[in-house]
Each structure stands twice: as C-alpha cells, then as structure tokens.
Amino acid sequence: MRNSPLKKQKLSPEAAKAKAERDLRYAKSPARRAKKADSQAQRRAAKKNGRSIEGMDFDHRTNRFVSVAANRGNRGEGTKSEGNKNYRVTRRNG
C-alpha cells in the first residue's frame, strides 16, 4: 500500500507495518470471514433473482441490502454499541 490512493493515515513505517498486521488479523478472523462469505452468497443470490444491488452492501444487522453510506457507522449511531450479538450470519465458514 506504499503509493495507494486509499492511504488515509500518515504513519511511520513501523506503525504502518503493525497496522497492516492488525488489519489482516481482523480480516481473517472467523467472524469476519463468515460475514464476508455470507455477504457474497447473499449478493450472488440477489443477482440470480434479478435484483439491482449496485452501490449496495448487505447489512448483517438488518439482514437486507442498504446503500454503502447507510451501512457505515451504524446508521449514524456510531460503532461503540455494535457487537456480534447484533449480527445475523446464516452461512458459517468451516
């Protein structure tokens, strides 16, 4: 991510490496992998049924497709109160 246009933080090389490792650990966690697999399955099923889901993400809290903007930050409520108990993942990985 050296020259990435998505780089949002100015971090020292050591901090950037530590952050990359943390982010990768989170992305590979069983809960995150299950959510990703479930989301991909939901997208495939919606496309197969002819739904237009461009610009939309699957919201595991409401179990429906919402705009990308609405699916960030808990719909304006912040993310402090979010937890795994609030999410429904129908597909389990592994």
PDB file of N, CA and C in Angstrom:
ATOM      1  N   MET A   1       0.842  -1.189   0.000  1.00  0.00           N
ATOM      2  CA  MET A   1       0.000   0.000   0.000  1.00  0.00           C
ATOM      3  C   MET A   1       0.878   1.241   0.000  1.00  0.00           C
ATOM      4  N   ARG A   2       2.028   1.095  -0.511  1.00  0.00           N
ATOM      5  CA  ARG A   2       3.024   2.149  -0.485  1.00  0.00           C
ATOM      6  C   ARG A   2       2.557   3.447  -1.143  1.00  0.00           C
ATOM      7  N   ASN A   3       2.071   3.348  -2.387  1.00  0.00           N
ATOM      8  CA  ASN A   3       1.617   4.534  -3.105  1.00  0.00           C
ATOM      9  C   ASN A   3       0.112   4.490  -3.364  1.00  0.00           C
ATOM     10  N   SER A   4      -0.601   3.838  -2.494  1.00  0.00           N
ATOM     11  CA  SER A   4      -2.030   3.668  -2.685  1.00  0.00           C
ATOM     12  C   SER A   4      -2.782   4.993  -2.527  1.00  0.00           C
ATOM     13  N   PRO A   5      -3.750   5.254  -3.403  1.00  0.00           N
ATOM     14  CA  PRO A   5      -4.580   6.452  -3.246  1.00  0.00           C
ATOM     15  C   PRO A   5      -5.525   6.332  -2.055  1.00  0.00           C
ATOM     16  N   LEU A   6      -5.657   5.130  -1.498  1.00  0.00           N
ATOM     17  CA  LEU A   6      -6.560   4.922  -0.367  1.00  0.00           C
ATOM     18  C   LEU A   6      -5.886   5.149   0.975  1.00  0.00           C
ATOM     19  N   LYS A   7      -4.604   5.459   0.966  1.00  0.00           N
ATOM     20  CA  LYS A   7      -3.877   5.669   2.216  1.00  0.00           C
ATOM     21  C   LYS A   7      -4.449   6.888   2.937  1.00  0.00           C
ATOM     22  N   LYS A   8      -4.925   6.689   4.149  1.00  0.00           N
ATOM     23  CA  LYS A   8      -5.614   7.767   4.848  1.00  0.00           C
ATOM     24  C   LYS A   8      -4.871   8.270   6.071  1.00  0.00           C
ATOM     25  N   GLN A   9      -3.834   7.572   6.472  1.00  0.00           N
ATOM     26  CA  GLN A   9      -3.123   7.974   7.671  1.00  0.00           C
ATOM     27  C   GLN A   9      -1.639   8.132   7.357  1.00  0.00           C
ATOM     28  N   LYS A  10      -1.026   9.106   7.969  1.00  0.00           N
ATOM     29  CA  LYS A  10       0.421   9.260   7.852  1.00  0.00           C
ATOM     30  C   LYS A  10       1.037   8.549   9.038  1.00  0.00           C
ATOM     31  N   LEU A  11       1.597   7.370   8.778  1.00  0.00           N
ATOM     32  CA  LEU A  11       2.167   6.565   9.836  1.00  0.00           C
ATOM     33  C   LEU A  11       3.640   6.318   9.558  1.00  0.00           C
ATOM     34  N   SER A  12       4.381   6.123  10.618  1.00  0.00           N
ATOM     35  CA  SER A  12       5.780   5.743  10.458  1.00  0.00           C
ATOM     36  C   SER A  12       5.804   4.351   9.838  1.00  0.00           C
ATOM     37  N   PRO A  13       6.905   3.971   9.230  1.00  0.00           N
ATOM     38  CA  PRO A  13       6.978   2.632   8.635  1.00  0.00           C
ATOM     39  C   PRO A  13       6.667   1.512   9.634  1.00  0.00           C
ATOM     40  N   GLU A  14       7.138   1.666  10.888  1.00  0.00           N
ATOM     41  CA  GLU A  14       6.877   0.647  11.900  1.00  0.00           C
ATOM     42  C   GLU A  14       5.385   0.587  12.233  1.00  0.00           C
ATOM     43  N   ALA A  15       4.776   1.752  12.392  1.00  0.00           N
ATOM     44  CA  ALA A  15       3.350   1.810  12.728  1.00  0.00           C
ATOM     45  C   ALA A  15       2.502   1.292  11.566  1.00  0.00           C
ATOM     46  N   ALA A  16       2.904   1.618  10.335  1.00  0.00           N
ATOM     47  CA  ALA A  16       2.161   1.152   9.165  1.00  0.00           C
ATOM     48  C   ALA A  16       2.215  -0.368   9.074  1.00  0.00           C
ATOM     49  N   LYS A  17       3.377  -0.934   9.369  1.00  0.00           N
ATOM     50  CA  LYS A  17       3.517  -2.394   9.326  1.00  0.00           C
ATOM     51  C   LYS A  17       2.668  -3.046  10.411  1.00  0.00           C
ATOM     52  N   ALA A  18       2.687  -2.480  11.609  1.00  0.00           N
ATOM     53  CA  ALA A  18       1.885  -3.020  12.710  1.00  0.00           C
ATOM     54  C   ALA A  18       0.394  -2.929  12.389  1.00  0.00           C
ATOM     55  N   LYS A  19      -0.025  -1.813  11.792  1.00  0.00           N
ATOM     56  CA  LYS A  19      -1.435  -1.637  11.423  1.00  0.00           C
ATOM     57  C   LYS A  19      -1.844  -2.642  10.348  1.00  0.00           C
ATOM     58  N   ALA A  20      -0.983  -2.845   9.368  1.00  0.00           N
ATOM     59  CA  ALA A  20      -1.281  -3.809   8.315  1.00  0.00           C
ATOM     60  C   ALA A  20      -1.460  -5.203   8.900  1.00  0.00           C
ATOM     61  N   GLU A  21      -0.612  -5.572   9.861  1.00  0.00           N
ATOM     62  CA  GLU A  21      -0.727  -6.882  10.508  1.00  0.00           C
ATOM     63  C   GLU A  21      -2.021  -6.992  11.308  1.00  0.00           C
ATOM     64  N   ARG A  22      -2.384  -5.930  12.051  1.00  0.00           N
ATOM     65  CA  ARG A  22      -3.639  -5.931  12.817  1.00  0.00           C
ATOM     66  C   ARG A  22      -4.844  -6.045  11.889  1.00  0.00           C
ATOM     67  N   ASP A  23      -4.823  -5.254  10.818  1.00  0.00           N
ATOM     68  CA  ASP A  23      -5.947  -5.265   9.886  1.00  0.00           C
ATOM     69  C   ASP A  23      -6.116  -6.637   9.241  1.00  0.00           C
ATOM     70  N   LEU A  24      -4.996  -7.273   8.893  1.00  0.00           N
ATOM     71  CA  LEU A  24      -5.057  -8.594   8.285  1.00  0.00           C
ATOM     72  C   LEU A  24      -5.577  -9.635   9.275  1.00  0.00           C
ATOM     73  N   ARG A  25      -5.143  -9.550  10.532  1.00  0.00           N
ATOM     74  CA  ARG A  25      -5.641 -10.463  11.564  1.00  0.00           C
ATOM     75  C   ARG A  25      -7.155 -10.318  11.720  1.00  0.00           C
ATOM     76  N   TYR A  26      -7.640  -9.081  11.718  1.00  0.00           N
ATOM     77  CA  TYR A  26      -9.083  -8.839  11.840  1.00  0.00           C
ATOM     78  C   TYR A  26      -9.824  -9.387  10.621  1.00  0.00           C
ATOM     79  N   ALA A  27      -9.290  -9.129   9.430  1.00  0.00           N
ATOM     80  CA  ALA A  27      -9.953  -9.570   8.199  1.00  0.00           C
ATOM     81  C   ALA A  27     -10.029 -11.086   8.111  1.00  0.00           C
ATOM     82  N   LYS A  28      -9.067 -11.768   8.747  1.00  0.00           N
ATOM     83  CA  LYS A  28      -9.042 -13.223   8.690  1.00  0.00           C
ATOM     84  C   LYS A  28      -9.693 -13.877   9.901  1.00  0.00           C
ATOM     85  N   SER A  29     -10.285 -13.098  10.787  1.00  0.00           N
ATOM     86  CA  SER A  29     -10.922 -13.675  11.962  1.00  0.00           C
ATOM     87  C   SER A  29     -12.137 -14.507  11.520  1.00  0.00           C
ATOM     88  N   PRO A  30     -12.470 -15.543  12.265  1.00  0.00           N
ATOM     89  CA  PRO A  30     -13.596 -16.401  11.872  1.00  0.00           C
ATOM     90  C   PRO A  30     -14.911 -15.631  11.692  1.00  0.00           C
ATOM     91  N   ALA A  31     -15.186 -14.682  12.569  1.00  0.00           N
ATOM     92  CA  ALA A  31     -16.437 -13.917  12.456  1.00  0.00           C
ATOM     93  C   ALA A  31     -16.451 -13.085  11.189  1.00  0.00           C
ATOM     94  N   ARG A  32     -15.331 -12.424  10.885  1.00  0.00           N
ATOM     95  CA  ARG A  32     -15.263 -11.572   9.697  1.00  0.00           C
ATOM     96  C   ARG A  32     -15.337 -12.404   8.418  1.00  0.00           C
ATOM     97  N   ARG A  33     -14.678 -13.565   8.429  1.00  0.00           N
ATOM     98  CA  ARG A  33     -14.715 -14.438   7.255  1.00  0.00           C
ATOM     99  C   ARG A  33     -16.122 -14.970   7.027  1.00  0.00           C
ATOM    100  N   ALA A  34     -16.832 -15.294   8.118  1.00  0.00           N
ATOM    101  CA  ALA A  34     -18.208 -15.779   7.990  1.00  0.00           C
ATOM    102  C   ALA A  34     -19.109 -14.685   7.426  1.00  0.00           C
ATOM    103  N   LYS A  35     -18.933 -13.438   7.899  1.00  0.00           N
ATOM    104  CA  LYS A  35     -19.735 -12.325   7.386  1.00  0.00           C
ATOM    105  C   LYS A  35     -19.458 -12.087   5.911  1.00  0.00           C
ATOM    106  N   LYS A  36     -18.187 -12.157   5.529  1.00  0.00           N
ATOM    107  CA  LYS A  36     -17.824 -11.928   4.129  1.00  0.00           C
ATOM    108  C   LYS A  36     -18.413 -13.011   3.233  1.00  0.00           C
ATOM    109  N   ALA A  37     -18.288 -14.275   3.654  1.00  0.00           N
ATOM    110  CA  ALA A  37     -18.837 -15.381   2.870  1.00  0.00           C
ATOM    111  C   ALA A  37     -20.352 -15.255   2.754  1.00  0.00           C
ATOM    112  N   ASP A  38     -21.011 -14.900   3.852  1.00  0.00           N
ATOM    113  CA  ASP A  38     -22.455 -14.736   3.842  1.00  0.00           C
ATOM    114  C   ASP A  38     -22.866 -13.590   2.923  1.00  0.00           C
ATOM    115  N   SER A  39     -22.144 -12.489   2.996  1.00  0.00           N
ATOM    116  CA  SER A  39     -22.434 -11.332   2.156  1.00  0.00           C
ATOM    117  C   SER A  39     -22.283 -11.678   0.674  1.00  0.00           C
ATOM    118  N   GLN A  40     -21.219 -12.399   0.342  1.00  0.00           N
ATOM    119  CA  GLN A  40     -21.005 -12.792  -1.050  1.00  0.00           C
ATOM    120  C   GLN A  40     -22.120 -13.723  -1.533  1.00  0.00           C
ATOM    121  N   ALA A  41     -22.543 -14.655  -0.677  1.00  0.00           N
ATOM    122  CA  ALA A  41     -23.627 -15.563  -1.035  1.00  0.00           C
ATOM    123  C   ALA A  41     -24.934 -14.795  -1.236  1.00  0.00           C
ATOM    124  N   GLN A  42     -25.198 -13.827  -0.358  1.00  0.00           N
ATOM    125  CA  GLN A  42     -26.409 -13.005  -0.489  1.00  0.00           C
ATOM    126  C   GLN A  42     -26.387 -12.212  -1.793  1.00  0.00           C
ATOM    127  N   ARG A  43     -25.215 -11.669  -2.150  1.00  0.00           N
ATOM    128  CA  ARG A  43     -25.083 -10.908  -3.397  1.00  0.00           C
ATOM    129  C   ARG A  43     -25.340 -11.803  -4.610  1.00  0.00           C
ATOM    130  N   ARG A  44     -24.744 -13.000  -4.594  1.00  0.00           N
ATOM    131  CA  ARG A  44     -24.946 -13.921  -5.718  1.00  0.00           C
ATOM    132  C   ARG A  44     -26.411 -14.291  -5.856  1.00  0.00           C
ATOM    133  N   ALA A  45     -27.066 -14.574  -4.741  1.00  0.00           N
ATOM    134  CA  ALA A  45     -28.485 -14.940  -4.773  1.00  0.00           C
ATOM    135  C   ALA A  45     -29.341 -13.782  -5.276  1.00  0.00           C
ATOM    136  N   ALA A  46     -29.040 -12.562  -4.839  1.00  0.00           N
ATOM    137  CA  ALA A  46     -29.818 -11.392  -5.269  1.00  0.00           C
ATOM    138  C   ALA A  46     -29.652 -11.160  -6.769  1.00  0.00           C
ATOM    139  N   LYS A  47     -28.418 -11.289  -7.261  1.00  0.00           N
ATOM    140  CA  LYS A  47     -28.184 -11.105  -8.705  1.00  0.00           C
ATOM    141  C   LYS A  47     -28.900 -12.189  -9.495  1.00  0.00           C
ATOM    142  N   LYS A  48     -28.876 -13.411  -8.992  1.00  0.00           N
ATOM    143  CA  LYS A  48     -29.544 -14.527  -9.660  1.00  0.00           C
ATOM    144  C   LYS A  48     -31.042 -14.286  -9.756  1.00  0.00           C
ATOM    145  N   ASN A  49     -31.606 -13.624  -8.732  1.00  0.00           N
ATOM    146  CA  ASN A  49     -33.036 -13.319  -8.718  1.00  0.00           C
ATOM    147  C   ASN A  49     -33.373 -12.039  -9.466  1.00  0.00           C
ATOM    148  N   GLY A  50     -32.370 -11.408 -10.074  1.00  0.00           N
ATOM    149  CA  GLY A  50     -32.617 -10.229 -10.898  1.00  0.00           C
ATOM    150  C   GLY A  50     -32.703  -8.918 -10.145  1.00  0.00           C
ATOM    151  N   ARG A  51     -32.270  -8.893  -8.888  1.00  0.00           N
ATOM    152  CA  ARG A  51     -32.301  -7.643  -8.118  1.00  0.00           C
ATOM    153  C   ARG A  51     -31.158  -6.745  -8.527  1.00  0.00           C
ATOM    154  N   SER A  52     -31.396  -5.453  -8.552  1.00  0.00           N
ATOM    155  CA  SER A  52     -30.352  -4.479  -8.830  1.00  0.00           C
ATOM    156  C   SER A  52     -29.741  -4.060  -7.497  1.00  0.00           C
ATOM    157  N   ILE A  53     -28.504  -4.481  -7.251  1.00  0.00           N
ATOM    158  CA  ILE A  53     -27.866  -4.201  -5.961  1.00  0.00           C
ATOM    159  C   ILE A  53     -26.589  -3.392  -6.140  1.00  0.00           C
ATOM    160  N   GLU A  54     -26.457  -2.725  -7.268  1.00  0.00           N
ATOM    161  CA  GLU A  54     -25.260  -1.910  -7.499  1.00  0.00           C
ATOM    162  C   GLU A  54     -25.227  -0.754  -6.509  1.00  0.00           C
ATOM    163  N   GLY A  55     -24.084  -0.554  -5.881  1.00  0.00           N
ATOM    164  CA  GLY A  55     -23.936   0.515  -4.900  1.00  0.00           C
ATOM    165  C   GLY A  55     -24.537   0.178  -3.547  1.00  0.00           C
ATOM    166  N   MET A  56     -24.850  -1.105  -3.336  1.00  0.00           N
ATOM    167  CA  MET A  56     -25.447  -1.515  -2.080  1.00  0.00           C
ATOM    168  C   MET A  56     -24.585  -2.580  -1.404  1.00  0.00           C
ATOM    169  N   ASP A  57     -24.644  -2.615  -0.085  1.00  0.00           N
ATOM    170  CA  ASP A  57     -23.952  -3.616   0.723  1.00  0.00           C
ATOM    171  C   ASP A  57     -24.996  -4.395   1.497  1.00  0.00           C
ATOM    172  N   PHE A  58     -24.644  -5.632   1.841  1.00  0.00           N
ATOM    173  CA  PHE A  58     -25.543  -6.422   2.669  1.00  0.00           C
ATOM    174  C   PHE A  58     -25.314  -6.052   4.126  1.00  0.00           C
ATOM    175  N   ASP A  59     -26.357  -5.617   4.802  1.00  0.00           N
ATOM    176  CA  ASP A  59     -26.270  -5.219   6.202  1.00  0.00           C
ATOM    177  C   ASP A  59     -26.636  -6.413   7.067  1.00  0.00           C
ATOM    178  N   HIS A  60     -25.664  -6.936   7.826  1.00  0.00           N
ATOM    179  CA  HIS A  60     -25.912  -8.112   8.643  1.00  0.00           C
ATOM    180  C   HIS A  60     -26.746  -7.803   9.876  1.00  0.00           C
ATOM    181  N   ARG A  61     -26.933  -6.562  10.171  1.00  0.00           N
ATOM    182  CA  ARG A  61     -27.763  -6.216  11.329  1.00  0.00           C
ATOM    183  C   ARG A  61     -29.248  -6.253  10.960  1.00  0.00           C
ATOM    184  N   THR A  62     -29.587  -5.677   9.795  1.00  0.00           N
ATOM    185  CA  THR A  62     -30.981  -5.657   9.360  1.00  0.00           C
ATOM    186  C   THR A  62     -31.305  -6.813   8.427  1.00  0.00           C
ATOM    187  N   ASN A  63     -30.269  -7.535   7.970  1.00  0.00           N
ATOM    188  CA  ASN A  63     -30.421  -8.675   7.076  1.00  0.00           C
ATOM    189  C   ASN A  63     -31.041  -8.279   5.744  1.00  0.00           C
ATOM    190  N   ARG A  64     -30.621  -7.123   5.216  1.00  0.00           N
ATOM    191  CA  ARG A  64     -31.098  -6.664   3.913  1.00  0.00           C
ATOM    192  C   ARG A  64     -30.032  -5.806   3.258  1.00  0.00           C
ATOM    193  N   PHE A  65     -30.222  -5.492   1.982  1.00  0.00           N
ATOM    194  CA  PHE A  65     -29.281  -4.646   1.269  1.00  0.00           C
ATOM    195  C   PHE A  65     -29.616  -3.176   1.535  1.00  0.00           C
ATOM    196  N   VAL A  66     -28.580  -2.411   1.844  1.00  0.00           N
ATOM    197  CA  VAL A  66     -28.733  -0.976   2.085  1.00  0.00           C
ATOM    198  C   VAL A  66     -27.630  -0.265   1.314  1.00  0.00           C
ATOM    199  N   SER A  67     -27.742   1.044   1.172  1.00  0.00           N
ATOM    200  CA  SER A  67     -26.705   1.789   0.466  1.00  0.00           C
ATOM    201  C   SER A  67     -25.384   1.668   1.223  1.00  0.00           C
ATOM    202  N   VAL A  68     -24.293   1.820   0.494  1.00  0.00           N
ATOM    203  CA  VAL A  68     -22.974   1.722   1.102  1.00  0.00           C
ATOM    204  C   VAL A  68     -22.840   2.739   2.236  1.00  0.00           C
ATOM    205  N   ALA A  69     -23.330   3.955   2.017  1.00  0.00           N
ATOM    206  CA  ALA A  69     -23.228   5.009   3.022  1.00  0.00           C
ATOM    207  C   ALA A  69     -24.013   4.649   4.288  1.00  0.00           C
ATOM    208  N   ALA A  70     -25.192   4.055   4.109  1.00  0.00           N
ATOM    209  CA  ALA A  70     -26.027   3.712   5.263  1.00  0.00           C
ATOM    210  C   ALA A  70     -25.435   2.559   6.066  1.00  0.00           C
ATOM    211  N   ASN A  71     -24.568   1.776   5.425  1.00  0.00           N
ATOM    212  CA  ASN A  71     -24.008   0.606   6.100  1.00  0.00           C
ATOM    213  C   ASN A  71     -22.699   0.925   6.816  1.00  0.00           C
ATOM    214  N   ARG A  72     -22.385   2.194   6.981  1.00  0.00           N
ATOM    215  CA  ARG A  72     -21.169   2.598   7.676  1.00  0.00           C
ATOM    216  C   ARG A  72     -21.538   3.321   8.960  1.00  0.00           C
ATOM    217  N   GLY A  73     -20.867   3.007  10.017  1.00  0.00           N
ATOM    218  CA  GLY A  73     -21.060   3.745  11.261  1.00  0.00           C
ATOM    219  C   GLY A  73     -22.391   3.533  11.930  1.00  0.00           C
ATOM    220  N   ASN A  74     -23.015   2.376  11.688  1.00  0.00           N
ATOM    221  CA  ASN A  74     -24.236   2.027  12.414  1.00  0.00           C
ATOM    222  C   ASN A  74     -25.355   3.041  12.206  1.00  0.00           C
ATOM    223  N   ARG A  75     -25.512   3.494  10.986  1.00  0.00           N
ATOM    224  CA  ARG A  75     -26.569   4.446  10.595  1.00  0.00           C
ATOM    225  C   ARG A  75     -26.579   5.700  11.446  1.00  0.00           C
ATOM    226  N   GLY A  76     -25.391   6.235  11.701  1.00  0.00           N
ATOM    227  CA  GLY A  76     -25.270   7.486  12.437  1.00  0.00           C
ATOM    228  C   GLY A  76     -25.214   7.333  13.944  1.00  0.00           C
ATOM    229  N   GLU A  77     -25.338   6.110  14.441  1.00  0.00           N
ATOM    230  CA  GLU A  77     -25.316   5.890  15.882  1.00  0.00           C
ATOM    231  C   GLU A  77     -23.915   5.602  16.412  1.00  0.00           C
ATOM    232  N   GLY A  78     -22.936   5.472  15.530  1.00  0.00           N
ATOM    233  CA  GLY A  78     -21.584   5.127  15.956  1.00  0.00           C
ATOM    234  C   GLY A  78     -21.431   3.628  16.109  1.00  0.00           C
ATOM    235  N   THR A  79     -20.212   3.199  16.370  1.00  0.00           N
ATOM    236  CA  THR A  79     -19.957   1.763  16.405  1.00  0.00           C
ATOM    237  C   THR A  79     -19.661   1.217  17.798  1.00  0.00           C
ATOM    238  N   LYS A  80     -19.743   2.049  18.825  1.00  0.00           N
ATOM    239  CA  LYS A  80     -19.422   1.571  20.174  1.00  0.00           C
ATOM    240  C   LYS A  80     -20.382   0.491  20.655  1.00  0.00           C
ATOM    241  N   SER A  81     -21.653   0.593  20.295  1.00  0.00           N
ATOM    242  CA  SER A  81     -22.641  -0.356  20.795  1.00  0.00           C
ATOM    243  C   SER A  81     -22.772  -1.586  19.908  1.00  0.00           C
ATOM    244  N   GLU A  82     -22.016  -1.637  18.823  1.00  0.00           N
ATOM    245  CA  GLU A  82     -22.102  -2.797  17.940  1.00  0.00           C
ATOM    246  C   GLU A  82     -21.422  -3.989  18.576  1.00  0.00           C
ATOM    247  N   GLY A  83     -21.918  -5.143  18.261  1.00  0.00           N
ATOM    248  CA  GLY A  83     -21.324  -6.372  18.766  1.00  0.00           C
ATOM    249  C   GLY A  83     -21.819  -7.547  17.956  1.00  0.00           C
ATOM    250  N   ASN A  84     -21.196  -8.695  18.139  1.00  0.00           N
ATOM    251  CA  ASN A  84     -21.560  -9.866  17.360  1.00  0.00           C
ATOM    252  C   ASN A  84     -22.997 -10.311  17.587  1.00  0.00           C
ATOM    253  N   LYS A  85     -23.554 -10.027  18.741  1.00  0.00           N
ATOM    254  CA  LYS A  85     -24.924 -10.455  19.005  1.00  0.00           C
ATOM    255  C   LYS A  85     -25.935  -9.714  18.128  1.00  0.00           C
ATOM    256  N   ASN A  86     -25.530  -8.580  17.545  1.00  0.00           N
ATOM    257  CA  ASN A  86     -26.435  -7.796  16.714  1.00  0.00           C
ATOM    258  C   ASN A  86     -26.444  -8.241  15.252  1.00  0.00           C
ATOM    259  N   TYR A  87     -25.632  -9.217  14.905  1.00  0.00           N
ATOM    260  CA  TYR A  87     -25.487  -9.599  13.505  1.00  0.00           C
ATOM    261  C   TYR A  87     -25.999 -11.007  13.272  1.00  0.00           C
ATOM    262  N   ARG A  88     -26.655 -11.179  12.141  1.00  0.00           N
ATOM    263  CA  ARG A  88     -27.162 -12.482  11.746  1.00  0.00           C
ATOM    264  C   ARG A  88     -26.356 -12.973  10.557  1.00  0.00           C
ATOM    265  N   VAL A  89     -25.624 -14.042  10.748  1.00  0.00           N
ATOM    266  CA  VAL A  89     -24.872 -14.643   9.662  1.00  0.00           C
ATOM    267  C   VAL A  89     -25.443 -16.038   9.463  1.00  0.00           C
ATOM    268  N   THR A  90     -26.059 -16.242   8.304  1.00  0.00           N
ATOM    269  CA  THR A  90     -26.712 -17.526   8.059  1.00  0.00           C
ATOM    270  C   THR A  90     -25.711 -18.582   7.631  1.00  0.00           C
ATOM    271  N   ARG A  91     -24.651 -18.164   6.971  1.00  0.00           N
ATOM    272  CA  ARG A  91     -23.649 -19.108   6.473  1.00  0.00           C
ATOM    273  C   ARG A  91     -22.465 -19.131   7.426  1.00  0.00           C
ATOM    274  N   ARG A  92     -22.045 -20.316   7.814  1.00  0.00           N
ATOM    275  CA  ARG A  92     -20.875 -20.457   8.684  1.00  0.00           C
ATOM    276  C   ARG A  92     -19.702 -20.958   7.867  1.00  0.00           C
ATOM    277  N   ASN A  93     -18.566 -20.408   8.087  1.00  0.00           N
ATOM    278  CA  ASN A  93     -17.354 -20.792   7.364  1.00  0.00           C
ATOM    279  C   ASN A  93     -16.653 -21.907   8.128  1.00  0.00           C
ATOM    280  N   GLY A  94     -16.337 -22.996   7.449  1.00  0.00           N
ATOM    281  CA  GLY A  94     -15.567 -24.064   8.047  1.00  0.00           C
ATOM    282  C   GLY A  94     -16.379 -25.086   8.633  1.00  0.00           C
TER     283      GLY A  94
END
